[in-house]
Every structure is written in structure tokens, then in C-alpha cells.
Amino acid sequence: MNKVLITINDINDIDKLKELGIEAFVFPLKDFCVGIPNTFSVEEISKLNINSYLLLNRILDNDSIDKFKKIINKLDNIKGIIFDDLGLIPIIKDLNIVKILYLSHFNSNIESIKIYLDYVDSVFISTDIKESEIAYITKNIPNKLTLFVLGYIKAMYSRRLLIDNYAKFHHIKKDNPIIIDNTNHQFLVYENEYGTILYHKPIFNGLSLMQYPCKYYFINSTFLSLDDIIKLINNNSNLDSDRAFLDKETIYKLKGDNND
């Protein structure tokens, strides 16, 4: 489990995770994350003296990038950073930390991944492709990539406050998070001041991907308890989970007027 990265909801969970053999912990950085209820300041993270990785998962404006520049010198005891805003690459390029690029639905082929690996140490492979394709990519770029293996997957991100706007428009009480249905799909929706995230529901279970040679395997514990994670890992959970696109193509042919 020494290659596993797991997001932290509660600092009190760390000792229990260590007992499972997990040694690297991802902390959503306060003021730099969306879709995550529990975030942590640099000061809180730095004083823990463990293998800590920062998570910055929102698109940043100029003011936010300037704010991040001011806290760079406070990154004591930080092992690495997971981010998806390409504007951070020149900001962090000289930092002596592991740089992991997470672009959610991008990086589904070898060529694009190789380009990004010129700038970062590791890249997340998209969760929108089949396991066979992931196996092919990891075989050709071994021990450099990061695989999302368990947890809720981000399906959509908006900088708008969608839940708040909906509640105001319909003059109803605002609940956050909420579950919504769209045709035959469900989504877990959560917003904070920086926007709204729609997570694919049910929970993604791609633990089978841990057989492939990668730098890291990522577990997103957001909206999951420690007990949930342990049961899912041990295949002893009644939580609703699936393999998303690991077993099915994401290419669809639309019917034309002539039904071709």
C-alpha cells in the first residue's frame, strides 16, 4: 500500500490508515478546493510531519494564483501536490516536491500524457476509458502514472453556485449536498463558495487497476467514512458501487435522420 494516496477527511483517521499500510495522505487545501467539505490550511498540514500531499482541484483566477504564491514558502514537510490548473505549472516548477497533474476527463492517450510528463512527475489517467486501454497505457509508460482506483469521481465542475441558484429560483430550502437524477443516472452534488461539483453515483470501484505498474493509486474518500473505505477495500461493503467505464466503450454513434 506504499503507492496509495488517499484524501483525508479527518486528521484523526491517519493513525488507522497507517495501520492499513497507507503511508501517503492527500489534504484538500483550504481556499483552493471545490466539491470537498473538509479542507485544511497549510499550517495544519505542515505540522503533521507525515507524507503529505496538497490537493488543489479548482480553476484559479489571478488573485487565487497570487494568493498561492504567497504560501509557497510555507510548504514545510509537503511531499507533493495534486492539481488541475495548468497555470500552476510555472509557479511550482522549481519546488522540490512531487507534481501530479489531475485533469479529470483528459489524458486518455499516450501522446497527450507524454507531453504533460515533460512538465510534471506524474499524470492521472482518465477514468473515462476501458481497463484494457489503461493497461496498454501503463505498459508503455510504466511507474510514472497515477490511477484513480476508489471513490466518487467528478463528473462535472461549474464555477456557478448551482444548488444555491436553484433553491433561490424555486423559493425552496437549500440542501447541500443533494442527490439528483438525470435519466438513468444519479449524481451527488455539492457546492461551496468556489462552485459546484457533480460526482458520479454510485461509488467508483476500480481496485482491479492496482495490478498495473503505476507511480500512485489514488483513493478519494470525500463523502465516505473510514469504515466505508476499509469495507470497500476488503470487498465487504453493501454500498452501491460500480466500475464506470472500465468495461464499456464511451464512444456512441448518434442516429441520423436516415437511422444510419
Protein backbone atom coordinates (compact mmCIF):
# COMPACT_ATOMS: atom_id res chain seq x y z
CA MET A 1 0.00 0.00 0.00
CA ASN A 2 3.04 2.29 -0.12
CA LYS A 3 1.92 3.64 -3.51
CA VAL A 4 -1.58 4.56 -2.31
CA LEU A 5 -2.58 8.21 -1.99
CA ILE A 6 -5.77 8.84 -0.01
CA THR A 7 -7.62 12.08 0.65
CA ILE A 8 -8.13 12.95 4.30
CA ASN A 9 -11.48 14.00 5.75
CA ASP A 10 -10.42 13.86 9.39
CA ILE A 11 -6.87 14.05 10.78
CA ASN A 12 -7.90 11.50 13.41
CA ASP A 13 -8.17 8.88 10.63
CA ILE A 14 -4.46 8.99 9.84
CA ASP A 15 -3.27 6.54 12.50
CA LYS A 16 -5.88 3.98 11.44
CA LEU A 17 -4.87 4.38 7.81
CA LYS A 18 -1.25 3.79 8.77
CA GLU A 19 -2.32 0.50 10.33
CA LEU A 20 -3.63 -0.49 6.89
CA GLY A 21 -0.21 0.20 5.41
CA ILE A 22 -1.15 3.52 3.80
CA GLU A 23 1.72 5.99 4.11
CA ALA A 24 0.80 8.95 1.88
CA PHE A 25 -2.02 11.36 2.67
CA VAL A 26 -3.71 13.96 0.47
CA PHE A 27 -5.05 17.12 2.10
CA PRO A 28 -7.52 19.34 0.22
CA LEU A 29 -6.04 22.81 0.61
CA LYS A 30 -8.27 25.42 2.19
CA ASP A 31 -9.46 28.11 -0.27
CA PHE A 32 -8.16 26.12 -3.25
CA CYS A 33 -10.71 23.31 -3.50
CA VAL A 34 -14.27 22.86 -4.72
CA GLY A 35 -16.66 19.99 -4.08
CA ILE A 36 -14.96 18.95 -0.83
CA PRO A 37 -16.49 19.74 2.59
CA ASN A 38 -13.36 19.31 4.71
CA THR A 39 -10.25 21.30 3.80
CA PHE A 40 -7.03 22.10 5.66
CA SER A 41 -4.69 25.08 5.94
CA VAL A 42 -1.01 24.87 5.06
CA GLU A 43 -0.15 25.38 8.74
CA GLU A 44 -2.32 22.43 9.80
CA ILE A 45 -0.79 20.17 7.17
CA SER A 46 2.85 21.15 7.65
CA LYS A 47 2.95 20.42 11.37
CA LEU A 48 1.86 16.79 10.94
CA ASN A 49 5.31 15.57 9.86
CA ILE A 50 3.97 12.81 7.59
CA ASN A 51 3.98 12.17 3.83
CA SER A 52 1.57 14.98 2.99
CA TYR A 53 0.32 15.90 -0.48
CA LEU A 54 -1.70 19.02 -1.24
CA LEU A 55 -4.82 18.88 -3.40
CA LEU A 56 -5.83 21.96 -5.40
CA ASN A 57 -8.76 20.93 -7.57
CA ARG A 58 -10.36 24.15 -8.73
CA ILE A 59 -9.69 26.53 -11.60
CA LEU A 60 -7.82 29.54 -10.23
CA ASP A 61 -8.13 33.19 -11.17
CA ASN A 62 -5.23 35.64 -10.99
CA ASP A 63 -5.98 36.60 -7.39
CA SER A 64 -6.01 32.95 -6.30
CA ILE A 65 -2.70 32.23 -8.04
CA ASP A 66 -1.18 35.27 -6.36
CA LYS A 67 -2.51 34.02 -3.03
CA PHE A 68 -0.92 30.62 -3.64
CA LYS A 69 2.43 32.26 -4.46
CA LYS A 70 2.40 33.83 -1.00
CA ILE A 71 2.06 30.49 0.78
CA ILE A 72 4.64 28.58 -1.27
CA ASN A 73 7.35 29.33 1.29
CA LYS A 74 5.17 27.77 3.98
CA LEU A 75 5.20 24.36 2.30
CA ASP A 76 7.25 22.68 5.02
CA ASN A 77 7.04 18.88 5.18
CA ILE A 78 5.00 18.75 1.96
CA LYS A 79 5.85 15.76 -0.23
CA GLY A 80 3.82 16.66 -3.30
CA ILE A 81 0.94 18.48 -4.93
CA ILE A 82 -2.04 17.29 -6.98
CA PHE A 83 -3.55 19.99 -9.19
CA ASP A 84 -5.56 20.55 -12.36
CA ASP A 85 -4.97 24.23 -13.20
CA LEU A 86 -2.20 24.40 -15.80
CA GLY A 87 -1.44 27.93 -14.66
CA LEU A 88 0.26 26.43 -11.61
CA ILE A 89 2.95 24.65 -13.63
CA PRO A 90 5.30 27.67 -13.89
CA ILE A 91 4.59 28.53 -10.25
CA ILE A 92 5.62 25.14 -8.84
CA LYS A 93 8.19 24.01 -11.42
CA ASP A 94 11.19 24.80 -9.18
CA LEU A 95 9.70 23.39 -5.99
CA ASN A 96 11.35 20.24 -4.68
CA ILE A 97 8.07 18.33 -4.43
CA VAL A 98 6.27 15.68 -6.48
CA LYS A 99 4.00 17.32 -9.05
CA ILE A 100 0.90 15.34 -10.10
CA LEU A 101 -1.46 16.64 -12.78
CA TYR A 102 -5.11 15.61 -12.50
CA LEU A 103 -7.23 16.78 -15.43
CA SER A 104 -10.24 14.52 -14.73
CA HIS A 105 -11.56 13.67 -18.19
CA PHE A 106 -8.41 14.36 -20.19
CA ASN A 107 -5.27 12.28 -20.66
CA SER A 108 -6.84 9.25 -22.27
CA ASN A 109 -3.95 8.50 -24.65
CA ILE A 110 -0.20 8.02 -24.58
CA GLU A 111 0.72 11.04 -26.67
CA SER A 112 -1.01 13.67 -24.53
CA ILE A 113 0.30 12.05 -21.35
CA LYS A 114 3.89 12.12 -22.61
CA ILE A 115 3.60 15.84 -23.34
CA TYR A 116 2.46 16.64 -19.80
CA LEU A 117 5.16 14.42 -18.31
CA ASP A 118 7.69 16.92 -19.65
CA TYR A 119 6.35 19.33 -17.01
CA VAL A 120 5.22 17.15 -14.09
CA ASP A 121 6.26 13.96 -12.33
CA SER A 122 3.02 12.05 -12.75
CA VAL A 123 -0.30 12.34 -14.58
CA PHE A 124 -3.70 10.88 -13.77
CA ILE A 125 -5.09 8.63 -16.48
CA SER A 126 -8.68 9.45 -17.39
CA THR A 127 -11.40 7.37 -15.75
CA ASP A 128 -13.41 7.57 -18.97
CA ILE A 129 -11.61 4.72 -20.75
CA LYS A 130 -11.70 0.94 -20.54
CA GLU A 131 -9.42 -1.10 -18.30
CA SER A 132 -7.80 -2.65 -21.36
CA GLU A 133 -6.80 0.82 -22.58
CA ILE A 134 -5.46 1.73 -19.14
CA ALA A 135 -3.42 -1.49 -19.16
CA TYR A 136 -1.96 -0.56 -22.54
CA ILE A 137 -1.02 2.96 -21.42
CA THR A 138 0.62 1.82 -18.17
CA LYS A 139 2.55 -0.87 -20.04
CA ASN A 140 4.03 1.76 -22.36
CA ILE A 141 4.59 4.37 -19.61
CA PRO A 142 5.28 2.22 -16.54
CA ASN A 143 5.66 3.54 -13.00
CA LYS A 144 5.01 7.19 -13.84
CA LEU A 145 1.23 7.49 -13.90
CA THR A 146 -1.48 7.82 -11.27
CA LEU A 147 -4.67 5.79 -11.33
CA PHE A 148 -7.94 6.70 -9.64
CA VAL A 149 -8.95 3.41 -8.02
CA LEU A 150 -11.72 4.13 -5.50
CA GLY A 151 -14.23 6.81 -4.52
CA TYR A 152 -16.62 9.29 -6.06
CA ILE A 153 -15.49 10.52 -9.48
CA LYS A 154 -16.01 14.14 -10.52
CA ALA A 155 -18.41 14.10 -13.46
CA MET A 156 -18.81 17.86 -13.85
CA TYR A 157 -17.45 21.08 -12.38
CA SER A 158 -19.07 24.51 -12.62
CA ARG A 159 -17.87 27.76 -11.10
CA ARG A 160 -21.55 28.68 -10.67
CA LEU A 161 -23.41 28.05 -7.41
CA LEU A 162 -25.93 25.69 -8.97
CA ILE A 163 -27.62 24.45 -5.80
CA ASP A 164 -27.94 27.95 -4.39
CA ASN A 165 -29.32 29.35 -7.65
CA TYR A 166 -31.84 26.52 -7.97
CA ALA A 167 -33.09 26.97 -4.41
CA LYS A 168 -33.46 30.73 -4.85
CA PHE A 169 -35.25 30.41 -8.19
CA HIS A 170 -37.78 27.90 -6.83
CA HIS A 171 -38.03 29.55 -3.39
CA ILE A 172 -37.19 26.31 -1.59
CA LYS A 173 -34.91 25.34 1.26
CA LYS A 174 -31.34 24.77 0.19
CA ASP A 175 -29.86 21.34 0.91
CA ASN A 176 -26.17 20.70 0.37
CA PRO A 177 -25.14 18.10 -0.72
CA ILE A 178 -28.05 16.72 -2.73
CA ILE A 179 -28.70 13.68 -4.92
CA ILE A 180 -30.18 14.33 -8.36
CA ASP A 181 -31.47 12.03 -11.11
CA ASN A 182 -30.74 12.59 -14.78
CA THR A 183 -32.46 9.96 -16.97
CA ASN A 184 -30.99 6.72 -15.65
CA HIS A 185 -28.04 8.29 -13.82
CA GLN A 186 -27.66 9.70 -10.33
CA PHE A 187 -25.24 12.36 -9.19
CA LEU A 188 -24.11 13.55 -5.77
CA VAL A 189 -23.94 17.36 -5.93
CA TYR A 190 -22.01 19.60 -3.56
CA GLU A 191 -21.13 23.29 -3.74
CA ASN A 192 -19.04 25.76 -1.83
CA GLU A 193 -18.21 29.40 -2.48
CA TYR A 194 -16.00 28.44 -5.43
CA GLY A 195 -18.53 26.44 -7.41
CA THR A 196 -20.34 23.13 -7.74
CA ILE A 197 -19.19 19.57 -8.31
CA LEU A 198 -21.36 16.74 -9.62
CA TYR A 199 -19.99 13.35 -8.61
CA HIS A 200 -20.87 10.18 -10.48
CA LYS A 201 -23.01 7.95 -8.31
CA PRO A 202 -22.54 5.14 -7.36
CA ILE A 203 -19.02 4.95 -5.95
CA PHE A 204 -16.34 4.05 -8.46
CA ASN A 205 -14.57 0.80 -7.60
CA GLY A 206 -11.51 0.31 -9.78
CA LEU A 207 -9.37 -1.58 -7.28
CA SER A 208 -8.56 -4.08 -10.03
CA LEU A 209 -6.37 -1.35 -11.56
CA MET A 210 -3.83 -1.76 -8.76
CA GLN A 211 -2.28 -4.65 -10.69
CA TYR A 212 -0.81 -2.22 -13.24
CA PRO A 213 2.63 -0.59 -12.85
CA CYS A 214 1.97 2.98 -11.72
CA LYS A 215 3.61 5.60 -9.55
CA TYR A 216 0.48 6.06 -7.40
CA TYR A 217 -3.02 4.68 -6.85
CA PHE A 218 -5.49 7.31 -5.70
CA ILE A 219 -8.42 6.85 -3.29
CA ASN A 220 -10.90 9.70 -2.95
CA SER A 221 -12.53 9.42 0.47
CA THR A 222 -14.73 12.52 0.02
CA PHE A 223 -18.24 11.72 1.33
CA LEU A 224 -17.02 8.32 2.54
CA SER A 225 -16.21 7.33 6.09
CA LEU A 226 -13.08 5.44 7.06
CA ASP A 227 -15.21 2.35 7.69
CA ASP A 228 -16.68 2.69 4.19
CA ILE A 229 -13.19 2.77 2.68
CA ILE A 230 -11.99 -0.24 4.66
CA LYS A 231 -15.05 -2.30 3.75
CA LEU A 232 -14.75 -1.40 0.07
CA ILE A 233 -11.07 -2.35 0.05
CA ASN A 234 -11.90 -5.65 1.72
CA ASN A 235 -14.82 -6.26 -0.65
CA ASN A 236 -17.13 -6.39 2.35
CA SER A 237 -19.43 -3.43 1.75
CA ASN A 238 -23.10 -3.08 0.90
CA LEU A 239 -22.50 0.40 -0.51
CA ASP A 240 -23.58 0.81 -4.11
CA SER A 241 -20.50 0.83 -6.35
CA ASP A 242 -19.65 0.19 -9.99
CA ARG A 243 -16.73 0.14 -12.44
CA ALA A 244 -17.95 3.12 -14.50
CA PHE A 245 -16.37 2.87 -17.96
CA LEU A 246 -13.78 0.19 -17.23
CA ASP A 247 -15.84 -2.45 -19.03
CA LYS A 248 -17.63 -0.41 -21.68
CA GLU A 249 -16.82 1.93 -24.51
CA THR A 250 -17.50 5.64 -24.14
CA ILE A 251 -17.94 6.08 -27.89
CA TYR A 252 -21.52 6.38 -29.05
CA LYS A 253 -22.92 6.75 -32.55
CA LEU A 254 -25.83 9.17 -32.79
CA LYS A 255 -28.69 8.20 -35.06
CA GLY A 256 -29.22 10.43 -38.08
CA ASP A 257 -32.45 11.21 -39.89
CA ASN A 258 -31.97 8.10 -42.00
CA ASN A 259 -31.19 5.99 -38.92
CA ASP A 260 -27.68 5.26 -40.19
